Amino acid sequence: MIVLIIALVLAIGTAAFALQNTDAVTVRFLAWEYQTSLVLVILGSVGSGVILALLASLGRRWKISRTTRSLEATVTSQGERIRELEHQLRQAQETFRPPNSDS
């Protein structure tokens, strides 16, 4: 929840900054040249940064997801093994009845 609030505050701050910078600018990259509004440059840069950050975090998220699935499978199999051992213990206790001492 706190992450969403921070993201919302940053988005509002970015939008306010972009809307205050509406001048026309020329964007140059190598031999490419484009005339556009500074608002679009700012918002495009922020959007590109967000996309790159999400792509960069995909590997870590995938690894965590894989580890979580593996651990859940281990917990399930160990739970089944515990139930099986408890059942065997009950059977062994029922089979082995100590003799009554009538002294």
PDB file of N, CA and C in Angstrom:
ATOM      1  N   MET A   1       0.819  -1.184   0.000  1.00  0.00           N
ATOM      2  CA  MET A   1       0.000   0.000   0.000  1.00  0.00           C
ATOM      3  C   MET A   1       0.866   1.251   0.000  1.00  0.00           C
ATOM      4  N   ILE A   2       1.927   1.245   0.802  1.00  0.00           N
ATOM      5  CA  ILE A   2       2.795   2.416   0.874  1.00  0.00           C
ATOM      6  C   ILE A   2       3.482   2.655  -0.464  1.00  0.00           C
ATOM      7  N   VAL A   3       3.793   1.572  -1.192  1.00  0.00           N
ATOM      8  CA  VAL A   3       4.437   1.711  -2.498  1.00  0.00           C
ATOM      9  C   VAL A   3       3.499   2.410  -3.476  1.00  0.00           C
ATOM     10  N   LEU A   4       2.216   2.075  -3.417  1.00  0.00           N
ATOM     11  CA  LEU A   4       1.247   2.721  -4.303  1.00  0.00           C
ATOM     12  C   LEU A   4       1.110   4.208  -3.992  1.00  0.00           C
ATOM     13  N   ILE A   5       1.136   4.547  -2.727  1.00  0.00           N
ATOM     14  CA  ILE A   5       1.043   5.961  -2.339  1.00  0.00           C
ATOM     15  C   ILE A   5       2.265   6.721  -2.835  1.00  0.00           C
ATOM     16  N   ILE A   6       3.447   6.139  -2.665  1.00  0.00           N
ATOM     17  CA  ILE A   6       4.671   6.783  -3.150  1.00  0.00           C
ATOM     18  C   ILE A   6       4.631   6.924  -4.667  1.00  0.00           C
ATOM     19  N   ALA A   7       4.186   5.880  -5.364  1.00  0.00           N
ATOM     20  CA  ALA A   7       4.090   5.939  -6.827  1.00  0.00           C
ATOM     21  C   ALA A   7       3.113   7.022  -7.270  1.00  0.00           C
ATOM     22  N   LEU A   8       2.002   7.141  -6.563  1.00  0.00           N
ATOM     23  CA  LEU A   8       1.015   8.167  -6.901  1.00  0.00           C
ATOM     24  C   LEU A   8       1.583   9.565  -6.689  1.00  0.00           C
ATOM     25  N   VAL A   9       2.284   9.782  -5.582  1.00  0.00           N
ATOM     26  CA  VAL A   9       2.895  11.091  -5.311  1.00  0.00           C
ATOM     27  C   VAL A   9       3.930  11.422  -6.380  1.00  0.00           C
ATOM     28  N   LEU A  10       4.755  10.444  -6.749  1.00  0.00           N
ATOM     29  CA  LEU A  10       5.755  10.680  -7.792  1.00  0.00           C
ATOM     30  C   LEU A  10       5.102  10.956  -9.142  1.00  0.00           C
ATOM     31  N   ALA A  11       4.024  10.245  -9.459  1.00  0.00           N
ATOM     32  CA  ALA A  11       3.326  10.472 -10.726  1.00  0.00           C
ATOM     33  C   ALA A  11       2.719  11.871 -10.771  1.00  0.00           C
ATOM     34  N   ILE A  12       2.123  12.290  -9.670  1.00  0.00           N
ATOM     35  CA  ILE A  12       1.539  13.636  -9.625  1.00  0.00           C
ATOM     36  C   ILE A  12       2.641  14.692  -9.736  1.00  0.00           C
ATOM     37  N   GLY A  13       3.744  14.478  -9.035  1.00  0.00           N
ATOM     38  CA  GLY A  13       4.875  15.413  -9.118  1.00  0.00           C
ATOM     39  C   GLY A  13       5.448  15.495 -10.525  1.00  0.00           C
ATOM     40  N   THR A  14       5.577  14.351 -11.181  1.00  0.00           N
ATOM     41  CA  THR A  14       6.088  14.325 -12.557  1.00  0.00           C
ATOM     42  C   THR A  14       5.136  15.039 -13.504  1.00  0.00           C
ATOM     43  N   ALA A  15       3.842  14.791 -13.346  1.00  0.00           N
ATOM     44  CA  ALA A  15       2.852  15.452 -14.203  1.00  0.00           C
ATOM     45  C   ALA A  15       2.874  16.961 -13.991  1.00  0.00           C
ATOM     46  N   ALA A  16       2.950  17.392 -12.743  1.00  0.00           N
ATOM     47  CA  ALA A  16       2.999  18.835 -12.464  1.00  0.00           C
ATOM     48  C   ALA A  16       4.254  19.462 -13.073  1.00  0.00           C
ATOM     49  N   PHE A  17       5.395  18.774 -12.938  1.00  0.00           N
ATOM     50  CA  PHE A  17       6.647  19.274 -13.513  1.00  0.00           C
ATOM     51  C   PHE A  17       6.538  19.357 -15.029  1.00  0.00           C
ATOM     52  N   ALA A  18       5.997  18.315 -15.637  1.00  0.00           N
ATOM     53  CA  ALA A  18       5.896  18.283 -17.099  1.00  0.00           C
ATOM     54  C   ALA A  18       4.957  19.370 -17.613  1.00  0.00           C
ATOM     55  N   LEU A  19       3.841  19.561 -16.938  1.00  0.00           N
ATOM     56  CA  LEU A  19       2.875  20.554 -17.404  1.00  0.00           C
ATOM     57  C   LEU A  19       3.377  21.985 -17.253  1.00  0.00           C
ATOM     58  N   GLN A  20       4.346  22.209 -16.388  1.00  0.00           N
ATOM     59  CA  GLN A  20       4.921  23.548 -16.233  1.00  0.00           C
ATOM     60  C   GLN A  20       6.018  23.814 -17.259  1.00  0.00           C
ATOM     61  N   ASN A  21       6.434  22.782 -17.977  1.00  0.00           N
ATOM     62  CA  ASN A  21       7.490  22.910 -18.981  1.00  0.00           C
ATOM     63  C   ASN A  21       6.917  22.560 -20.354  1.00  0.00           C
ATOM     64  N   THR A  22       6.208  23.503 -20.943  1.00  0.00           N
ATOM     65  CA  THR A  22       5.488  23.238 -22.189  1.00  0.00           C
ATOM     66  C   THR A  22       6.192  23.797 -23.424  1.00  0.00           C
ATOM     67  N   ASP A  23       7.397  24.275 -23.291  1.00  0.00           N
ATOM     68  CA  ASP A  23       8.096  24.870 -24.432  1.00  0.00           C
ATOM     69  C   ASP A  23       8.326  23.839 -25.527  1.00  0.00           C
ATOM     70  N   ALA A  24       8.472  24.338 -26.745  1.00  0.00           N
ATOM     71  CA  ALA A  24       8.817  23.479 -27.869  1.00  0.00           C
ATOM     72  C   ALA A  24      10.328  23.255 -27.842  1.00  0.00           C
ATOM     73  N   VAL A  25      10.744  22.014 -28.046  1.00  0.00           N
ATOM     74  CA  VAL A  25      12.163  21.676 -28.043  1.00  0.00           C
ATOM     75  C   VAL A  25      12.484  20.811 -29.253  1.00  0.00           C
ATOM     76  N   THR A  26      13.749  20.805 -29.594  1.00  0.00           N
ATOM     77  CA  THR A  26      14.223  19.933 -30.655  1.00  0.00           C
ATOM     78  C   THR A  26      15.025  18.815 -30.011  1.00  0.00           C
ATOM     79  N   VAL A  27      14.613  17.604 -30.285  1.00  0.00           N
ATOM     80  CA  VAL A  27      15.296  16.436 -29.749  1.00  0.00           C
ATOM     81  C   VAL A  27      16.184  15.879 -30.853  1.00  0.00           C
ATOM     82  N   ARG A  28      17.474  15.715 -30.552  1.00  0.00           N
ATOM     83  CA  ARG A  28      18.430  15.196 -31.532  1.00  0.00           C
ATOM     84  C   ARG A  28      19.060  13.918 -30.990  1.00  0.00           C
ATOM     85  N   PHE A  29      19.123  12.913 -31.850  1.00  0.00           N
ATOM     86  CA  PHE A  29      19.815  11.676 -31.513  1.00  0.00           C
ATOM     87  C   PHE A  29      20.477  11.165 -32.783  1.00  0.00           C
ATOM     88  N   LEU A  30      21.815  11.149 -32.771  1.00  0.00           N
ATOM     89  CA  LEU A  30      22.616  10.781 -33.940  1.00  0.00           C
ATOM     90  C   LEU A  30      22.191  11.645 -35.130  1.00  0.00           C
ATOM     91  N   ALA A  31      21.664  11.053 -36.192  1.00  0.00           N
ATOM     92  CA  ALA A  31      21.262  11.834 -37.363  1.00  0.00           C
ATOM     93  C   ALA A  31      19.774  12.187 -37.312  1.00  0.00           C
ATOM     94  N   TRP A  32      19.093  11.750 -36.270  1.00  0.00           N
ATOM     95  CA  TRP A  32      17.655  11.945 -36.157  1.00  0.00           C
ATOM     96  C   TRP A  32      17.370  13.246 -35.413  1.00  0.00           C
ATOM     97  N   GLU A  33      16.391  14.019 -35.889  1.00  0.00           N
ATOM     98  CA  GLU A  33      16.024  15.285 -35.257  1.00  0.00           C
ATOM     99  C   GLU A  33      14.510  15.404 -35.274  1.00  0.00           C
ATOM    100  N   TYR A  34      13.945  15.816 -34.123  1.00  0.00           N
ATOM    101  CA  TYR A  34      12.485  15.871 -34.008  1.00  0.00           C
ATOM    102  C   TYR A  34      12.083  17.071 -33.161  1.00  0.00           C
ATOM    103  N   GLN A  35      11.119  17.829 -33.628  1.00  0.00           N
ATOM    104  CA  GLN A  35      10.598  18.990 -32.906  1.00  0.00           C
ATOM    105  C   GLN A  35       9.326  18.546 -32.159  1.00  0.00           C
ATOM    106  N   THR A  36       9.305  18.766 -30.829  1.00  0.00           N
ATOM    107  CA  THR A  36       8.150  18.353 -30.020  1.00  0.00           C
ATOM    108  C   THR A  36       8.052  19.219 -28.776  1.00  0.00           C
ATOM    109  N   SER A  37       7.037  18.975 -28.006  1.00  0.00           N
ATOM    110  CA  SER A  37       6.836  19.695 -26.755  1.00  0.00           C
ATOM    111  C   SER A  37       7.687  19.061 -25.659  1.00  0.00           C
ATOM    112  N   LEU A  38       8.201  19.884 -24.753  1.00  0.00           N
ATOM    113  CA  LEU A  38       9.013  19.383 -23.646  1.00  0.00           C
ATOM    114  C   LEU A  38       8.198  18.451 -22.749  1.00  0.00           C
ATOM    115  N   VAL A  39       6.888  18.680 -22.655  1.00  0.00           N
ATOM    116  CA  VAL A  39       6.011  17.802 -21.864  1.00  0.00           C
ATOM    117  C   VAL A  39       6.127  16.362 -22.365  1.00  0.00           C
ATOM    118  N   LEU A  40       6.086  16.201 -23.679  1.00  0.00           N
ATOM    119  CA  LEU A  40       6.159  14.854 -24.247  1.00  0.00           C
ATOM    120  C   LEU A  40       7.529  14.223 -24.026  1.00  0.00           C
ATOM    121  N   VAL A  41       8.578  15.028 -24.072  1.00  0.00           N
ATOM    122  CA  VAL A  41       9.921  14.510 -23.821  1.00  0.00           C
ATOM    123  C   VAL A  41      10.029  14.027 -22.377  1.00  0.00           C
ATOM    124  N   ILE A  42       9.538  14.845 -21.440  1.00  0.00           N
ATOM    125  CA  ILE A  42       9.610  14.480 -20.023  1.00  0.00           C
ATOM    126  C   ILE A  42       8.786  13.222 -19.750  1.00  0.00           C
ATOM    127  N   LEU A  43       7.538  13.213 -20.194  1.00  0.00           N
ATOM    128  CA  LEU A  43       6.671  12.049 -19.944  1.00  0.00           C
ATOM    129  C   LEU A  43       7.181  10.803 -20.662  1.00  0.00           C
ATOM    130  N   GLY A  44       7.708  10.973 -21.862  1.00  0.00           N
ATOM    131  CA  GLY A  44       8.281   9.833 -22.588  1.00  0.00           C
ATOM    132  C   GLY A  44       9.502   9.268 -21.879  1.00  0.00           C
ATOM    133  N   SER A  45      10.334  10.154 -21.344  1.00  0.00           N
ATOM    134  CA  SER A  45      11.523   9.710 -20.613  1.00  0.00           C
ATOM    135  C   SER A  45      11.146   8.970 -19.339  1.00  0.00           C
ATOM    136  N   VAL A  46      10.175   9.507 -18.611  1.00  0.00           N
ATOM    137  CA  VAL A  46       9.722   8.843 -17.381  1.00  0.00           C
ATOM    138  C   VAL A  46       9.093   7.489 -17.717  1.00  0.00           C
ATOM    139  N   GLY A  47       8.268   7.459 -18.759  1.00  0.00           N
ATOM    140  CA  GLY A  47       7.648   6.198 -19.167  1.00  0.00           C
ATOM    141  C   GLY A  47       8.671   5.162 -19.578  1.00  0.00           C
ATOM    142  N   SER A  48       9.683   5.595 -20.336  1.00  0.00           N
ATOM    143  CA  SER A  48      10.757   4.672 -20.737  1.00  0.00           C
ATOM    144  C   SER A  48      11.508   4.155 -19.521  1.00  0.00           C
ATOM    145  N   GLY A  49      11.749   5.033 -18.558  1.00  0.00           N
ATOM    146  CA  GLY A  49      12.435   4.616 -17.332  1.00  0.00           C
ATOM    147  C   GLY A  49      11.643   3.599 -16.547  1.00  0.00           C
ATOM    148  N   VAL A  50      10.337   3.802 -16.475  1.00  0.00           N
ATOM    149  CA  VAL A  50       9.476   2.850 -15.756  1.00  0.00           C
ATOM    150  C   VAL A  50       9.501   1.497 -16.449  1.00  0.00           C
ATOM    151  N   ILE A  51       9.396   1.491 -17.764  1.00  0.00           N
ATOM    152  CA  ILE A  51       9.405   0.232 -18.516  1.00  0.00           C
ATOM    153  C   ILE A  51      10.736  -0.494 -18.346  1.00  0.00           C
ATOM    154  N   LEU A  52      11.846   0.249 -18.430  1.00  0.00           N
ATOM    155  CA  LEU A  52      13.156  -0.376 -18.248  1.00  0.00           C
ATOM    156  C   LEU A  52      13.333  -0.926 -16.837  1.00  0.00           C
ATOM    157  N   ALA A  53      12.820  -0.209 -15.837  1.00  0.00           N
ATOM    158  CA  ALA A  53      12.915  -0.696 -14.454  1.00  0.00           C
ATOM    159  C   ALA A  53      12.099  -1.978 -14.279  1.00  0.00           C
ATOM    160  N   LEU A  54      10.921  -2.028 -14.869  1.00  0.00           N
ATOM    161  CA  LEU A  54      10.100  -3.243 -14.786  1.00  0.00           C
ATOM    162  C   LEU A  54      10.786  -4.421 -15.477  1.00  0.00           C
ATOM    163  N   LEU A  55      11.360  -4.162 -16.643  1.00  0.00           N
ATOM    164  CA  LEU A  55      12.069  -5.233 -17.352  1.00  0.00           C
ATOM    165  C   LEU A  55      13.272  -5.713 -16.559  1.00  0.00           C
ATOM    166  N   ALA A  56      13.966  -4.790 -15.912  1.00  0.00           N
ATOM    167  CA  ALA A  56      15.141  -5.165 -15.120  1.00  0.00           C
ATOM    168  C   ALA A  56      14.760  -6.003 -13.905  1.00  0.00           C
ATOM    169  N   SER A  57      13.558  -5.808 -13.372  1.00  0.00           N
ATOM    170  CA  SER A  57      13.142  -6.547 -12.179  1.00  0.00           C
ATOM    171  C   SER A  57      12.495  -7.894 -12.508  1.00  0.00           C
ATOM    172  N   LEU A  58      12.248  -8.175 -13.774  1.00  0.00           N
ATOM    173  CA  LEU A  58      11.581  -9.433 -14.136  1.00  0.00           C
ATOM    174  C   LEU A  58      12.391 -10.657 -13.727  1.00  0.00           C
ATOM    175  N   GLY A  59      13.700 -10.617 -13.897  1.00  0.00           N
ATOM    176  CA  GLY A  59      14.534 -11.769 -13.534  1.00  0.00           C
ATOM    177  C   GLY A  59      14.430 -12.093 -12.064  1.00  0.00           C
ATOM    178  N   ARG A  60      14.512 -11.082 -11.226  1.00  0.00           N
ATOM    179  CA  ARG A  60      14.421 -11.292  -9.773  1.00  0.00           C
ATOM    180  C   ARG A  60      13.038 -11.807  -9.384  1.00  0.00           C
ATOM    181  N   ARG A  61      12.002 -11.215  -9.987  1.00  0.00           N
ATOM    182  CA  ARG A  61      10.636 -11.666  -9.684  1.00  0.00           C
ATOM    183  C   ARG A  61      10.434 -13.114 -10.104  1.00  0.00           C
ATOM    184  N   TRP A  62      10.969 -13.490 -11.262  1.00  0.00           N
ATOM    185  CA  TRP A  62      10.825 -14.859 -11.741  1.00  0.00           C
ATOM    186  C   TRP A  62      11.536 -15.817 -10.802  1.00  0.00           C
ATOM    187  N   LYS A  63      12.734 -15.450 -10.348  1.00  0.00           N
ATOM    188  CA  LYS A  63      13.495 -16.305  -9.438  1.00  0.00           C
ATOM    189  C   LYS A  63      12.755 -16.478  -8.109  1.00  0.00           C
ATOM    190  N   ILE A  64      12.208 -15.400  -7.569  1.00  0.00           N
ATOM    191  CA  ILE A  64      11.452 -15.471  -6.315  1.00  0.00           C
ATOM    192  C   ILE A  64      10.219 -16.348  -6.493  1.00  0.00           C
ATOM    193  N   SER A  65       9.529 -16.196  -7.604  1.00  0.00           N
ATOM    194  CA  SER A  65       8.337 -17.000  -7.871  1.00  0.00           C
ATOM    195  C   SER A  65       8.691 -18.480  -7.958  1.00  0.00           C
ATOM    196  N   ARG A  66       9.789 -18.780  -8.640  1.00  0.00           N
ATOM    197  CA  ARG A  66      10.226 -20.170  -8.770  1.00  0.00           C
ATOM    198  C   ARG A  66      10.610 -20.755  -7.416  1.00  0.00           C
ATOM    199  N   THR A  67      11.316 -19.985  -6.608  1.00  0.00           N
ATOM    200  CA  THR A  67      11.709 -20.437  -5.274  1.00  0.00           C
ATOM    201  C   THR A  67      10.479 -20.663  -4.401  1.00  0.00           C
ATOM    202  N   THR A  68       9.511 -19.768  -4.481  1.00  0.00           N
ATOM    203  CA  THR A  68       8.282 -19.899  -3.699  1.00  0.00           C
ATOM    204  C   THR A  68       7.531 -21.172  -4.071  1.00  0.00           C
ATOM    205  N   ARG A  69       7.398 -21.431  -5.380  1.00  0.00           N
ATOM    206  CA  ARG A  69       6.717 -22.664  -5.811  1.00  0.00           C
ATOM    207  C   ARG A  69       7.448 -23.902  -5.310  1.00  0.00           C
ATOM    208  N   SER A  70       8.766 -23.864  -5.365  1.00  0.00           N
ATOM    209  CA  SER A  70       9.556 -25.004  -4.888  1.00  0.00           C
ATOM    210  C   SER A  70       9.356 -25.222  -3.392  1.00  0.00           C
ATOM    211  N   LEU A  71       9.378 -24.147  -2.627  1.00  0.00           N
ATOM    212  CA  LEU A  71       9.188 -24.268  -1.178  1.00  0.00           C
ATOM    213  C   LEU A  71       7.779 -24.734  -0.831  1.00  0.00           C
ATOM    214  N   GLU A  72       6.771 -24.265  -1.573  1.00  0.00           N
ATOM    215  CA  GLU A  72       5.404 -24.726  -1.332  1.00  0.00           C
ATOM    216  C   GLU A  72       5.277 -26.217  -1.608  1.00  0.00           C
ATOM    217  N   ALA A  73       5.937 -26.688  -2.663  1.00  0.00           N
ATOM    218  CA  ALA A  73       5.908 -28.120  -2.972  1.00  0.00           C
ATOM    219  C   ALA A  73       6.593 -28.913  -1.869  1.00  0.00           C
ATOM    220  N   THR A  74       7.689 -28.391  -1.334  1.00  0.00           N
ATOM    221  CA  THR A  74       8.393 -29.058  -0.237  1.00  0.00           C
ATOM    222  C   THR A  74       7.514 -29.127   1.006  1.00  0.00           C
ATOM    223  N   VAL A  75       6.847 -28.041   1.344  1.00  0.00           N
ATOM    224  CA  VAL A  75       5.962 -28.017   2.512  1.00  0.00           C
ATOM    225  C   VAL A  75       4.834 -29.032   2.337  1.00  0.00           C
ATOM    226  N   THR A  76       4.264 -29.100   1.156  1.00  0.00           N
ATOM    227  CA  THR A  76       3.180 -30.053   0.899  1.00  0.00           C
ATOM    228  C   THR A  76       3.670 -31.491   1.045  1.00  0.00           C
ATOM    229  N   SER A  77       4.815 -31.795   0.428  1.00  0.00           N
ATOM    230  CA  SER A  77       5.320 -33.169   0.502  1.00  0.00           C
ATOM    231  C   SER A  77       5.719 -33.534   1.932  1.00  0.00           C
ATOM    232  N   GLN A  78       6.290 -32.593   2.669  1.00  0.00           N
ATOM    233  CA  GLN A  78       6.658 -32.875   4.059  1.00  0.00           C
ATOM    234  C   GLN A  78       5.415 -33.057   4.931  1.00  0.00           C
ATOM    235  N   GLY A  79       4.366 -32.305   4.659  1.00  0.00           N
ATOM    236  CA  GLY A  79       3.111 -32.488   5.391  1.00  0.00           C
ATOM    237  C   GLY A  79       2.534 -33.868   5.158  1.00  0.00           C
ATOM    238  N   GLU A  80       2.590 -34.327   3.904  1.00  0.00           N
ATOM    239  CA  GLU A  80       2.105 -35.675   3.594  1.00  0.00           C
ATOM    240  C   GLU A  80       2.967 -36.722   4.301  1.00  0.00           C
ATOM    241  N   ARG A  81       4.267 -36.498   4.315  1.00  0.00           N
ATOM    242  CA  ARG A  81       5.182 -37.448   4.984  1.00  0.00           C
ATOM    243  C   ARG A  81       4.903 -37.488   6.491  1.00  0.00           C
ATOM    244  N   ILE A  82       4.643 -36.362   7.097  1.00  0.00           N
ATOM    245  CA  ILE A  82       4.320 -36.310   8.536  1.00  0.00           C
ATOM    246  C   ILE A  82       3.043 -37.089   8.813  1.00  0.00           C
ATOM    247  N   ARG A  83       2.012 -36.881   7.986  1.00  0.00           N
ATOM    248  CA  ARG A  83       0.755 -37.616   8.181  1.00  0.00           C
ATOM    249  C   ARG A  83       0.979 -39.127   8.043  1.00  0.00           C
ATOM    250  N   GLU A  84       1.800 -39.508   7.071  1.00  0.00           N
ATOM    251  CA  GLU A  84       2.098 -40.923   6.877  1.00  0.00           C
ATOM    252  C   GLU A  84       2.826 -41.508   8.096  1.00  0.00           C
ATOM    253  N   LEU A  85       3.796 -40.785   8.616  1.00  0.00           N
ATOM    254  CA  LEU A  85       4.542 -41.265   9.788  1.00  0.00           C
ATOM    255  C   LEU A  85       3.653 -41.314  11.035  1.00  0.00           C
ATOM    256  N   GLU A  86       2.763 -40.341  11.185  1.00  0.00           N
ATOM    257  CA  GLU A  86       1.837 -40.367  12.320  1.00  0.00           C
ATOM    258  C   GLU A  86       0.921 -41.581  12.235  1.00  0.00           C
ATOM    259  N   HIS A  87       0.468 -41.891  11.015  1.00  0.00           N
ATOM    260  CA  HIS A  87      -0.380 -43.070  10.822  1.00  0.00           C
ATOM    261  C   HIS A  87       0.392 -44.344  11.175  1.00  0.00           C
ATOM    262  N   GLN A  88       1.644 -44.442  10.736  1.00  0.00           N
ATOM    263  CA  GLN A  88       2.464 -45.609  11.070  1.00  0.00           C
ATOM    264  C   GLN A  88       2.700 -45.699  12.576  1.00  0.00           C
ATOM    265  N   LEU A  89       2.892 -44.583  13.232  1.00  0.00           N
ATOM    266  CA  LEU A  89       3.097 -44.572  14.681  1.00  0.00           C
ATOM    267  C   LEU A  89       1.844 -45.077  15.402  1.00  0.00           C
ATOM    268  N   ARG A  90       0.666 -44.621  14.974  1.00  0.00           N
ATOM    269  CA  ARG A  90      -0.579 -45.095  15.596  1.00  0.00           C
ATOM    270  C   ARG A  90      -0.740 -46.603  15.410  1.00  0.00           C
ATOM    271  N   GLN A  91      -0.424 -47.069  14.204  1.00  0.00           N
ATOM    272  CA  GLN A  91      -0.526 -48.511  13.951  1.00  0.00           C
ATOM    273  C   GLN A  91       0.451 -49.284  14.836  1.00  0.00           C
ATOM    274  N   ALA A  92       1.650 -48.787  14.980  1.00  0.00           N
ATOM    275  CA  ALA A  92       2.649 -49.474  15.808  1.00  0.00           C
ATOM    276  C   ALA A  92       2.218 -49.462  17.271  1.00  0.00           C
ATOM    277  N   GLN A  93       1.622 -48.369  17.730  1.00  0.00           N
ATOM    278  CA  GLN A  93       1.160 -48.298  19.122  1.00  0.00           C
ATOM    279  C   GLN A  93      -0.002 -49.252  19.355  1.00  0.00           C
ATOM    280  N   GLU A  94      -0.869 -49.404  18.360  1.00  0.00           N
ATOM    281  CA  GLU A  94      -1.991 -50.322  18.511  1.00  0.00           C
ATOM    282  C   GLU A  94      -1.518 -51.775  18.482  1.00  0.00           C
ATOM    283  N   THR A  95      -0.496 -52.057  17.675  1.00  0.00           N
ATOM    284  CA  THR A  95       0.030 -53.413  17.562  1.00  0.00           C
ATOM    285  C   THR A  95       0.771 -53.804  18.834  1.00  0.00           C
ATOM    286  N   PHE A  96       1.547 -52.909  19.376  1.00  0.00           N
ATOM    287  CA  PHE A  96       2.335 -53.207  20.569  1.00  0.00           C
ATOM    288  C   PHE A  96       1.592 -52.715  21.792  1.00  0.00           C
ATOM    289  N   ARG A  97       0.980 -53.656  22.496  1.00  0.00           N
ATOM    290  CA  ARG A  97       0.283 -53.349  23.765  1.00  0.00           C
ATOM    291  C   ARG A  97       1.093 -53.957  24.875  1.00  0.00           C
ATOM    292  N   PRO A  98       1.614 -53.168  25.823  1.00  0.00           N
ATOM    293  CA  PRO A  98       2.367 -53.764  26.913  1.00  0.00           C
ATOM    294  C   PRO A  98       1.453 -54.641  27.780  1.00  0.00           C
ATOM    295  N   PRO A  99       2.009 -55.724  28.309  1.00  0.00           N
ATOM    296  CA  PRO A  99       1.186 -56.608  29.149  1.00  0.00           C
ATOM    297  C   PRO A  99       0.779 -55.881  30.430  1.00  0.00           C
ATOM    298  N   ASN A 100      -0.425 -56.215  30.869  1.00  0.00           N
ATOM    299  CA  ASN A 100      -0.916 -55.623  32.125  1.00  0.00           C
ATOM    300  C   ASN A 100      -0.191 -56.245  33.295  1.00  0.00           C
ATOM    301  N   SER A 101       0.204 -55.444  34.224  1.00  0.00           N
ATOM    302  CA  SER A 101       0.847 -55.982  35.421  1.00  0.00           C
ATOM    303  C   SER A 101      -0.218 -56.099  36.509  1.00  0.00           C
ATOM    304  N   ASP A 102      -0.569 -57.332  36.899  1.00  0.00           N
ATOM    305  CA  ASP A 102      -1.602 -57.573  37.903  1.00  0.00           C
ATOM    306  C   ASP A 102      -0.940 -57.977  39.202  1.00  0.00           C
ATOM    307  N   SER A 103      -0.204 -57.135  39.826  1.00  0.00           N
ATOM    308  CA  SER A 103       0.460 -57.480  41.065  1.00  0.00           C
ATOM    309  C   SER A 103      -0.286 -56.979  42.251  1.00  0.00           C
TER     310      SER A 103
END
